[in-house]
N, C-alpha and C. Protein backbone atom coordinates (compact mmCIF):
# COMPACT_ATOMS: atom_id res chain seq x y z
N MET A 1 -30.49 14.85 9.62
CA MET A 1 -29.59 15.79 10.28
C MET A 1 -30.19 16.99 10.92
N ALA A 2 -31.39 17.24 10.56
CA ALA A 2 -31.99 18.59 10.80
C ALA A 2 -33.49 18.10 11.23
N PRO A 3 -34.02 18.94 12.13
CA PRO A 3 -35.44 18.68 12.41
C PRO A 3 -36.20 19.12 11.20
N ALA A 4 -37.49 18.41 11.11
CA ALA A 4 -38.26 18.53 9.82
C ALA A 4 -38.75 19.87 9.76
N GLY A 5 -38.99 20.62 10.80
CA GLY A 5 -39.53 22.14 10.78
C GLY A 5 -38.56 22.97 10.38
N ASN A 6 -37.42 22.81 10.51
CA ASN A 6 -36.34 23.86 10.05
C ASN A 6 -35.88 23.76 8.64
N GLY A 7 -36.27 22.64 7.77
CA GLY A 7 -36.15 22.55 6.56
C GLY A 7 -34.96 21.44 6.43
N ALA A 8 -34.50 21.42 5.01
CA ALA A 8 -33.49 20.59 4.90
C ALA A 8 -32.11 20.72 5.67
N TRP A 9 -31.78 21.81 5.59
CA TRP A 9 -30.43 21.91 6.30
C TRP A 9 -30.65 22.99 7.60
N GLY A 10 -31.78 23.05 8.10
CA GLY A 10 -32.08 23.66 9.18
C GLY A 10 -31.08 23.92 10.31
N ASN A 11 -31.13 23.09 11.34
CA ASN A 11 -30.19 23.34 12.52
C ASN A 11 -29.25 22.26 12.58
N ALA A 12 -28.70 21.59 11.15
CA ALA A 12 -27.95 20.62 11.20
C ALA A 12 -26.58 20.74 11.62
N HIS A 13 -25.97 21.97 11.65
CA HIS A 13 -24.80 22.36 12.04
C HIS A 13 -23.77 21.51 11.00
N THR A 14 -24.07 22.02 9.61
CA THR A 14 -23.53 21.28 8.80
C THR A 14 -22.01 21.75 8.79
N ALA A 15 -21.70 23.01 9.05
CA ALA A 15 -20.11 23.43 8.92
C ALA A 15 -19.40 22.63 10.04
N ALA A 16 -20.08 22.46 11.23
CA ALA A 16 -19.63 21.59 12.16
C ALA A 16 -19.25 20.16 11.88
N TYR A 17 -20.21 19.65 11.24
CA TYR A 17 -20.03 18.19 10.89
C TYR A 17 -18.96 18.07 9.83
N SER A 18 -18.97 18.84 8.96
CA SER A 18 -17.79 18.59 7.70
C SER A 18 -16.49 19.05 8.32
N LEU A 19 -16.38 20.01 9.37
CA LEU A 19 -15.03 20.29 10.15
C LEU A 19 -14.64 19.16 10.92
N LEU A 20 -15.80 18.49 11.54
CA LEU A 20 -15.15 17.25 12.27
C LEU A 20 -14.90 16.20 11.41
N SER A 21 -15.45 16.11 10.23
CA SER A 21 -15.30 14.95 9.33
C SER A 21 -13.72 15.14 8.99
N ALA A 22 -13.35 16.36 8.72
CA ALA A 22 -11.97 16.78 8.21
C ALA A 22 -10.91 16.38 9.10
N LEU A 23 -11.29 16.83 10.64
CA LEU A 23 -10.36 16.40 11.61
C LEU A 23 -10.22 14.81 11.56
N VAL A 24 -11.46 14.06 11.47
CA VAL A 24 -11.34 12.86 11.80
C VAL A 24 -10.27 12.02 10.68
N ALA A 25 -10.35 12.81 9.46
CA ALA A 25 -9.58 12.38 8.21
C ALA A 25 -8.19 12.57 8.44
N ILE A 26 -7.72 13.98 9.15
CA ILE A 26 -6.46 13.99 9.61
C ILE A 26 -5.86 13.18 10.57
N VAL A 27 -6.74 12.93 11.76
CA VAL A 27 -6.37 12.02 12.69
C VAL A 27 -6.09 10.57 12.35
N ALA A 28 -6.95 10.19 11.20
CA ALA A 28 -6.82 8.83 10.46
C ALA A 28 -5.51 8.91 9.66
N ALA A 29 -5.23 10.03 9.12
CA ALA A 29 -3.79 9.98 8.34
C ALA A 29 -2.55 9.79 9.12
N GLY A 30 -2.63 10.66 10.35
CA GLY A 30 -1.62 10.41 11.42
C GLY A 30 -1.52 8.86 11.88
N LEU A 31 -2.67 8.34 12.19
CA LEU A 31 -2.73 7.04 12.69
C LEU A 31 -2.12 5.87 11.71
N LEU A 32 -2.42 6.23 10.47
CA LEU A 32 -1.88 5.55 9.47
C LEU A 32 -0.37 5.58 9.29
N TYR A 33 0.25 6.82 9.43
CA TYR A 33 1.75 7.13 9.44
C TYR A 33 2.31 6.52 10.50
N LEU A 34 1.73 6.32 11.82
CA LEU A 34 2.34 5.78 12.92
C LEU A 34 2.45 4.16 12.82
N LEU A 35 1.16 3.84 12.19
CA LEU A 35 1.27 2.19 11.87
C LEU A 35 2.18 1.94 10.76
N MET A 36 2.44 2.65 9.79
CA MET A 36 3.46 2.29 8.79
C MET A 36 4.83 2.53 9.27
N LEU A 37 5.03 3.24 10.25
CA LEU A 37 6.33 3.17 10.93
C LEU A 37 6.74 1.89 11.87
N GLY A 38 5.62 1.29 12.46
CA GLY A 38 6.05 0.10 13.22
C GLY A 38 5.06 -1.10 13.37
N THR A 39 4.28 -1.33 12.13
CA THR A 39 3.45 -2.39 12.07
C THR A 39 3.95 -3.08 10.96
N PRO A 40 3.81 -4.69 10.92
CA PRO A 40 4.31 -5.48 9.67
C PRO A 40 3.30 -5.24 8.65
N GLN A 41 1.97 -5.08 8.72
CA GLN A 41 0.99 -4.97 7.68
C GLN A 41 0.03 -3.72 8.12
N PRO A 42 0.46 -2.27 7.94
CA PRO A 42 -0.12 -1.27 8.31
C PRO A 42 -1.66 -1.15 7.53
N ASN A 43 -1.70 -1.34 6.36
CA ASN A 43 -2.99 -1.24 5.82
C ASN A 43 -3.94 -2.07 6.50
N THR A 44 -3.65 -3.10 6.54
CA THR A 44 -4.38 -4.12 7.32
C THR A 44 -5.09 -3.55 8.81
N PHE A 45 -3.97 -3.28 9.49
CA PHE A 45 -4.38 -2.74 10.62
C PHE A 45 -5.40 -1.48 10.71
N PHE A 46 -4.93 -0.60 9.70
CA PHE A 46 -5.53 0.57 9.71
C PHE A 46 -7.01 0.34 9.01
N THR A 47 -7.12 -0.69 8.39
CA THR A 47 -8.60 -0.94 7.67
C THR A 47 -9.44 -1.28 8.86
N TRP A 48 -8.79 -2.23 9.61
CA TRP A 48 -9.61 -2.72 10.72
C TRP A 48 -9.99 -1.73 11.70
N ILE A 49 -8.97 -1.05 12.16
CA ILE A 49 -9.29 0.05 13.41
C ILE A 49 -10.29 1.09 12.68
N MET A 50 -10.10 1.71 11.31
CA MET A 50 -11.05 2.76 10.96
C MET A 50 -12.52 1.99 10.55
N GLY A 51 -12.41 0.67 10.22
CA GLY A 51 -13.66 -0.08 9.93
C GLY A 51 -14.48 0.03 11.20
N LEU A 52 -13.85 -0.48 12.25
CA LEU A 52 -14.56 -0.41 13.52
C LEU A 52 -15.00 0.87 13.97
N ALA A 53 -14.25 2.05 13.64
CA ALA A 53 -14.53 3.29 14.20
C ALA A 53 -15.84 3.80 13.17
N THR A 54 -15.85 3.22 11.89
CA THR A 54 -16.91 3.61 11.04
C THR A 54 -18.23 2.92 11.44
N LEU A 55 -18.04 1.66 11.77
CA LEU A 55 -19.16 0.80 12.33
C LEU A 55 -19.83 1.82 13.46
N ALA A 56 -18.84 2.29 14.59
CA ALA A 56 -19.43 2.92 15.64
C ALA A 56 -20.09 4.38 15.28
N ALA A 57 -19.46 4.89 14.25
CA ALA A 57 -20.21 6.12 13.79
C ALA A 57 -21.38 5.83 13.20
N VAL A 58 -21.57 4.77 12.43
CA VAL A 58 -22.86 4.41 11.79
C VAL A 58 -23.99 3.96 12.88
N VAL A 59 -23.67 3.24 13.82
CA VAL A 59 -24.56 2.83 14.85
C VAL A 59 -25.04 3.98 15.76
N TYR A 60 -24.02 4.85 16.06
CA TYR A 60 -24.40 5.89 16.95
C TYR A 60 -25.73 6.91 16.51
N PRO A 61 -25.85 7.11 15.59
CA PRO A 61 -27.43 7.91 15.15
C PRO A 61 -28.52 7.18 15.87
N PHE A 62 -28.43 5.76 16.03
CA PHE A 62 -29.74 5.05 16.09
C PHE A 62 -29.81 5.04 17.67
N SER A 63 -28.81 5.45 18.42
CA SER A 63 -29.11 5.74 20.03
C SER A 63 -29.75 7.10 20.30
N THR A 64 -29.96 7.97 19.42
CA THR A 64 -30.64 9.18 19.76
C THR A 64 -32.16 9.21 19.64
N SER A 65 -32.80 10.36 19.90
CA SER A 65 -34.41 10.19 19.91
C SER A 65 -34.84 10.91 18.69
N ALA A 66 -33.88 11.06 17.65
CA ALA A 66 -34.39 11.58 16.30
C ALA A 66 -35.22 10.68 15.60
N PRO A 67 -36.00 11.09 14.66
CA PRO A 67 -36.82 10.21 13.97
C PRO A 67 -35.97 9.26 13.15
N ILE A 68 -36.51 8.07 12.70
CA ILE A 68 -35.64 7.06 12.12
C ILE A 68 -35.16 7.47 10.62
N ASP A 69 -35.97 8.24 9.90
CA ASP A 69 -35.37 8.70 8.50
C ASP A 69 -34.12 9.64 8.92
N GLN A 70 -34.20 10.46 9.88
CA GLN A 70 -32.86 11.22 10.23
C GLN A 70 -31.87 10.33 10.63
N LYS A 71 -32.17 9.40 11.40
CA LYS A 71 -31.11 8.51 11.82
C LYS A 71 -30.42 7.82 10.74
N ALA A 72 -31.44 7.28 9.80
CA ALA A 72 -30.80 6.50 8.63
C ALA A 72 -30.00 7.27 7.77
N ALA A 73 -30.30 8.73 7.59
CA ALA A 73 -29.55 9.57 6.61
C ALA A 73 -28.30 9.73 7.27
N THR A 74 -28.23 10.29 8.62
CA THR A 74 -26.95 10.38 9.23
C THR A 74 -26.08 9.18 9.21
N ALA A 75 -26.54 8.02 9.29
CA ALA A 75 -25.84 6.72 9.30
C ALA A 75 -25.32 6.61 7.94
N ILE A 76 -25.91 7.14 6.87
CA ILE A 76 -25.47 6.70 5.52
C ILE A 76 -24.57 7.62 5.36
N VAL A 77 -24.40 8.94 5.51
CA VAL A 77 -23.58 9.90 5.61
C VAL A 77 -22.22 9.52 6.42
N ASP A 78 -22.42 8.92 7.57
CA ASP A 78 -21.32 8.49 8.24
C ASP A 78 -20.54 7.26 7.55
N LEU A 79 -21.33 6.51 7.02
CA LEU A 79 -20.92 5.20 6.19
C LEU A 79 -19.94 5.83 5.05
N VAL A 80 -20.63 6.69 4.28
CA VAL A 80 -19.90 7.14 2.97
C VAL A 80 -18.58 7.86 3.44
N LEU A 81 -18.68 8.63 4.65
CA LEU A 81 -17.39 9.24 4.93
C LEU A 81 -16.37 8.30 5.53
N GLY A 82 -16.67 7.46 6.16
CA GLY A 82 -15.76 6.31 6.77
C GLY A 82 -15.21 5.66 5.50
N VAL A 83 -16.02 5.03 4.59
CA VAL A 83 -15.40 4.49 3.43
C VAL A 83 -14.51 5.31 2.60
N ALA A 84 -14.87 6.53 2.22
CA ALA A 84 -13.96 7.45 1.61
C ALA A 84 -12.67 7.59 2.33
N ILE A 85 -12.59 7.78 3.61
CA ILE A 85 -11.34 8.09 4.34
C ILE A 85 -10.42 6.66 4.28
N ILE A 86 -11.24 5.62 4.68
CA ILE A 86 -10.44 4.56 4.49
C ILE A 86 -9.79 4.08 3.06
N SER A 87 -10.70 4.15 2.10
CA SER A 87 -10.19 3.71 0.81
C SER A 87 -9.21 4.98 0.34
N LEU A 88 -9.31 6.05 0.46
CA LEU A 88 -8.36 7.07 -0.05
C LEU A 88 -7.04 6.93 0.77
N LEU A 89 -7.02 6.76 1.92
CA LEU A 89 -5.75 6.78 2.78
C LEU A 89 -5.10 5.59 2.36
N THR A 90 -5.77 4.40 2.37
CA THR A 90 -4.96 3.08 2.19
C THR A 90 -4.46 3.00 0.72
N MET A 91 -5.07 3.54 -0.22
CA MET A 91 -4.60 3.66 -1.51
C MET A 91 -3.18 4.75 -1.63
N VAL A 92 -3.46 5.75 -1.00
CA VAL A 92 -2.30 6.66 -0.88
C VAL A 92 -1.16 6.10 -0.27
N ALA A 93 -1.66 5.34 0.84
CA ALA A 93 -0.26 4.62 1.57
C ALA A 93 0.48 3.51 0.65
N ALA A 94 -0.40 2.95 0.05
CA ALA A 94 -0.07 1.74 -0.87
C ALA A 94 1.09 2.12 -1.81
N ARG A 95 0.66 3.55 -2.33
CA ARG A 95 1.74 3.93 -3.31
C ARG A 95 2.74 4.81 -3.01
N SER A 96 2.75 5.19 -1.55
CA SER A 96 3.78 6.01 -1.18
C SER A 96 4.85 5.21 -0.31
N LEU A 97 4.93 3.69 -0.39
CA LEU A 97 5.82 2.94 0.30
C LEU A 97 7.05 2.72 -0.54
N ARG A 98 8.03 2.77 -0.16
CA ARG A 98 9.24 2.38 -0.79
C ARG A 98 9.45 0.83 -0.80
N SER A 99 9.58 0.47 -1.82
CA SER A 99 9.74 -1.14 -1.85
C SER A 99 11.14 -1.46 -1.54
N GLN A 100 11.26 -2.45 -0.78
CA GLN A 100 12.49 -2.86 -0.32
C GLN A 100 13.20 -3.97 -1.27
N PRO A 101 14.47 -3.61 -1.57
CA PRO A 101 15.26 -4.54 -2.44
C PRO A 101 15.16 -6.08 -2.10
N PRO A 102 15.04 -7.04 -3.25
CA PRO A 102 15.23 -8.47 -2.42
C PRO A 102 16.43 -8.55 -1.95
N PRO A 103 16.64 -9.81 -1.12
CA PRO A 103 17.97 -10.17 -0.45
C PRO A 103 18.77 -10.50 -1.54
N SER A 104 20.19 -10.46 -1.19
CA SER A 104 21.27 -10.86 -2.28
C SER A 104 21.15 -12.27 -2.47
N VAL A 105 21.16 -12.74 -3.69
CA VAL A 105 21.17 -14.31 -3.77
C VAL A 105 22.69 -14.68 -4.05
N TYR A 106 23.74 -13.72 -3.80
CA TYR A 106 25.02 -14.05 -4.06
C TYR A 106 25.85 -14.38 -2.72
N GLY A 107 25.23 -13.50 -1.79
CA GLY A 107 25.86 -13.82 -0.35
C GLY A 107 25.32 -14.40 0.68
N ASP A 108 25.17 -13.97 1.75
CA ASP A 108 24.47 -14.81 2.98
C ASP A 108 23.12 -14.21 3.32
N GLY A 109 22.60 -13.48 2.13
CA GLY A 109 21.28 -12.84 2.16
C GLY A 109 21.49 -11.52 2.89
N GLY A 110 22.55 -11.07 2.98
CA GLY A 110 22.86 -9.70 3.02
C GLY A 110 22.23 -8.51 2.31
N GLY A 111 22.71 -7.38 2.40
CA GLY A 111 22.17 -6.37 1.68
C GLY A 111 22.98 -6.19 0.30
N TYR A 112 23.11 -4.96 -0.18
CA TYR A 112 23.78 -4.44 -1.42
C TYR A 112 24.84 -3.67 -1.24
N GLY A 113 25.97 -4.14 -0.82
CA GLY A 113 27.07 -3.18 -0.82
C GLY A 113 28.25 -4.11 -0.46
N PRO A 114 29.57 -3.65 -0.74
CA PRO A 114 30.79 -4.74 -0.27
C PRO A 114 30.69 -5.03 0.96
N GLU A 115 30.00 -4.30 1.83
CA GLU A 115 30.10 -4.46 3.40
C GLU A 115 28.65 -5.12 3.67
N GLN A 116 27.54 -5.11 2.73
CA GLN A 116 26.46 -5.89 2.92
C GLN A 116 26.22 -6.90 1.93
N GLY A 117 27.32 -7.32 1.12
CA GLY A 117 27.22 -8.48 0.22
C GLY A 117 26.92 -7.93 -1.21
N TYR A 118 27.28 -6.67 -1.70
CA TYR A 118 27.10 -6.23 -2.83
C TYR A 118 28.50 -6.44 -3.56
N GLY A 119 28.43 -7.06 -4.45
CA GLY A 119 29.66 -7.26 -5.32
C GLY A 119 31.00 -8.21 -4.59
N PRO A 120 31.95 -8.56 -5.18
CA PRO A 120 32.81 -9.40 -4.49
C PRO A 120 33.39 -8.67 -3.48
N GLU A 121 33.71 -9.59 -2.44
CA GLU A 121 34.34 -9.16 -1.14
C GLU A 121 35.94 -9.13 -1.73
N PRO A 122 37.08 -8.34 -0.84
CA PRO A 122 38.42 -8.41 -1.49
C PRO A 122 38.78 -9.90 -1.15
N GLY A 123 39.24 -10.37 -2.13
CA GLY A 123 40.04 -11.78 -1.85
C GLY A 123 39.00 -12.83 -2.19
N ALA A 124 37.66 -12.62 -2.62
CA ALA A 124 36.80 -13.63 -2.72
C ALA A 124 36.95 -14.32 -3.96
N GLN A 125 36.71 -15.61 -4.16
CA GLN A 125 36.92 -16.08 -5.55
C GLN A 125 35.33 -16.30 -6.03
N PRO A 126 35.17 -16.52 -7.43
CA PRO A 126 33.94 -16.43 -7.97
C PRO A 126 33.27 -17.66 -7.75
N GLY A 127 31.91 -17.65 -7.47
CA GLY A 127 31.17 -18.76 -6.98
C GLY A 127 31.13 -18.77 -5.33
N GLN A 128 31.99 -18.18 -4.76
CA GLN A 128 32.12 -18.34 -3.29
C GLN A 128 31.74 -17.09 -2.60
N GLY A 129 30.10 -16.88 -2.69
CA GLY A 129 29.61 -15.53 -1.93
C GLY A 129 29.87 -14.27 -2.95
N SER A 130 30.27 -14.24 -4.01
CA SER A 130 30.58 -13.17 -4.76
C SER A 130 29.59 -13.08 -5.98
N ARG A 131 29.49 -12.03 -6.80
CA ARG A 131 29.04 -12.04 -7.71
C ARG A 131 29.67 -12.66 -8.95
N PRO A 132 28.81 -13.01 -10.07
CA PRO A 132 29.57 -13.55 -11.38
C PRO A 132 30.59 -12.67 -12.02
N ASP A 133 31.34 -12.99 -12.91
CA ASP A 133 32.22 -12.34 -13.79
C ASP A 133 31.49 -11.08 -14.25
N PRO A 134 32.21 -10.14 -14.64
CA PRO A 134 31.60 -8.94 -15.54
C PRO A 134 30.95 -9.32 -16.78
N GLY A 135 31.66 -10.40 -17.41
CA GLY A 135 31.27 -10.71 -18.67
C GLY A 135 29.94 -11.72 -18.76
N TYR A 136 29.34 -12.02 -17.63
CA TYR A 136 28.25 -12.85 -17.30
C TYR A 136 26.89 -12.15 -17.99
N VAL A 137 26.30 -13.00 -18.82
CA VAL A 137 25.23 -12.63 -19.59
C VAL A 137 24.09 -13.52 -18.96
N PRO A 138 22.91 -12.93 -18.26
CA PRO A 138 21.77 -13.66 -17.71
C PRO A 138 21.16 -14.54 -18.75
N GLY A 139 20.76 -15.55 -18.45
CA GLY A 139 20.22 -16.47 -19.37
C GLY A 139 21.08 -17.39 -20.36
N GLN A 140 22.44 -16.89 -20.40
CA GLN A 140 23.38 -17.62 -21.22
C GLN A 140 23.90 -18.88 -20.43
N ARG A 141 24.07 -19.80 -21.20
CA ARG A 141 24.39 -21.17 -20.56
C ARG A 141 25.98 -21.37 -20.81
N ALA A 142 26.72 -21.88 -19.98
CA ALA A 142 28.14 -22.13 -20.44
C ALA A 142 28.43 -22.99 -21.61
N ASN A 143 27.48 -24.00 -21.53
CA ASN A 143 27.77 -25.10 -22.72
C ASN A 143 27.00 -24.62 -24.12
N GLN A 144 26.30 -23.50 -24.06
CA GLN A 144 25.76 -23.26 -25.30
C GLN A 144 26.16 -21.89 -25.83
N PRO A 145 27.00 -21.93 -26.98
CA PRO A 145 27.36 -20.63 -27.39
C PRO A 145 26.02 -19.85 -27.84
N THR A 146 26.43 -18.37 -28.06
CA THR A 146 25.35 -17.53 -28.79
C THR A 146 25.65 -17.61 -30.04
N LEU A 147 24.66 -17.46 -30.84
CA LEU A 147 24.75 -17.31 -32.59
C LEU A 147 25.03 -15.65 -32.66
N PRO A 148 25.89 -15.41 -33.64
CA PRO A 148 25.85 -13.95 -34.18
C PRO A 148 24.51 -13.63 -34.68
N ILE A 149 24.31 -12.28 -34.81
CA ILE A 149 23.14 -11.78 -35.26
C ILE A 149 23.03 -12.06 -36.78
N ASP A 150 23.85 -11.84 -37.65
CA ASP A 150 23.84 -11.86 -39.05
C ASP A 150 23.87 -13.60 -39.49
N GLU A 151 24.13 -14.36 -38.69
CA GLU A 151 24.13 -15.84 -39.17
C GLU A 151 22.82 -16.53 -39.12
N PRO A 152 22.53 -16.95 -40.32
CA PRO A 152 21.04 -17.67 -40.48
C PRO A 152 20.94 -18.63 -39.46
N PRO A 153 19.65 -18.85 -39.08
CA PRO A 153 19.37 -19.98 -38.14
C PRO A 153 19.72 -21.37 -38.89
N GLY A 154 19.88 -22.53 -38.35
CA GLY A 154 19.69 -23.79 -38.83
C GLY A 154 18.49 -24.23 -39.43
N PRO A 155 18.73 -25.46 -40.20
CA PRO A 155 17.27 -26.02 -40.74
C PRO A 155 16.40 -26.30 -39.64
N GLY A 156 15.02 -26.14 -39.80
CA GLY A 156 14.14 -26.46 -38.85
C GLY A 156 13.61 -25.47 -37.88
N SER A 157 14.59 -24.42 -37.74
CA SER A 157 14.20 -23.30 -36.92
C SER A 157 13.27 -22.41 -37.39
N ARG A 158 12.29 -21.57 -36.73
CA ARG A 158 11.39 -20.78 -37.17
C ARG A 158 11.70 -19.30 -37.13
N ARG A 159 11.25 -18.56 -38.14
CA ARG A 159 11.51 -17.06 -37.67
C ARG A 159 10.21 -16.39 -37.78
N TYR A 160 10.00 -15.58 -36.87
CA TYR A 160 8.68 -14.92 -36.66
C TYR A 160 8.63 -13.42 -37.24
């Protein structure tokens, strides 16, 4: 990143390099936001786009006339920055998505509300696109009564 005669950080323009990296991260966050608004798999698209941009940033230093060790050092720094931007933004985006509720199993696949299939519609009969009775217990079968809590189990059943 710097000529050998100027020392390790000589004429490297380190501040400009880090500000440009921050700008790339902000632009990448904006790109990810736009992809989340309009694409079916935004993280996949974002990973591919940023992966190709990172590849271009890694290959670019080898097109300059700098010594090979400086080219390699710049390429490694670009690779680390690209991987950091990609991984951090995709992890934040994955946790910031609101999960969609599953489609209603009681209606025609609509949403969750009387007008979207939530609960019984006015005049609907049980079993005809409406929810079960309020006394319905998930997992209870109609032909198997439940046992009271204080009744001992029958012979042959185990207690843990």
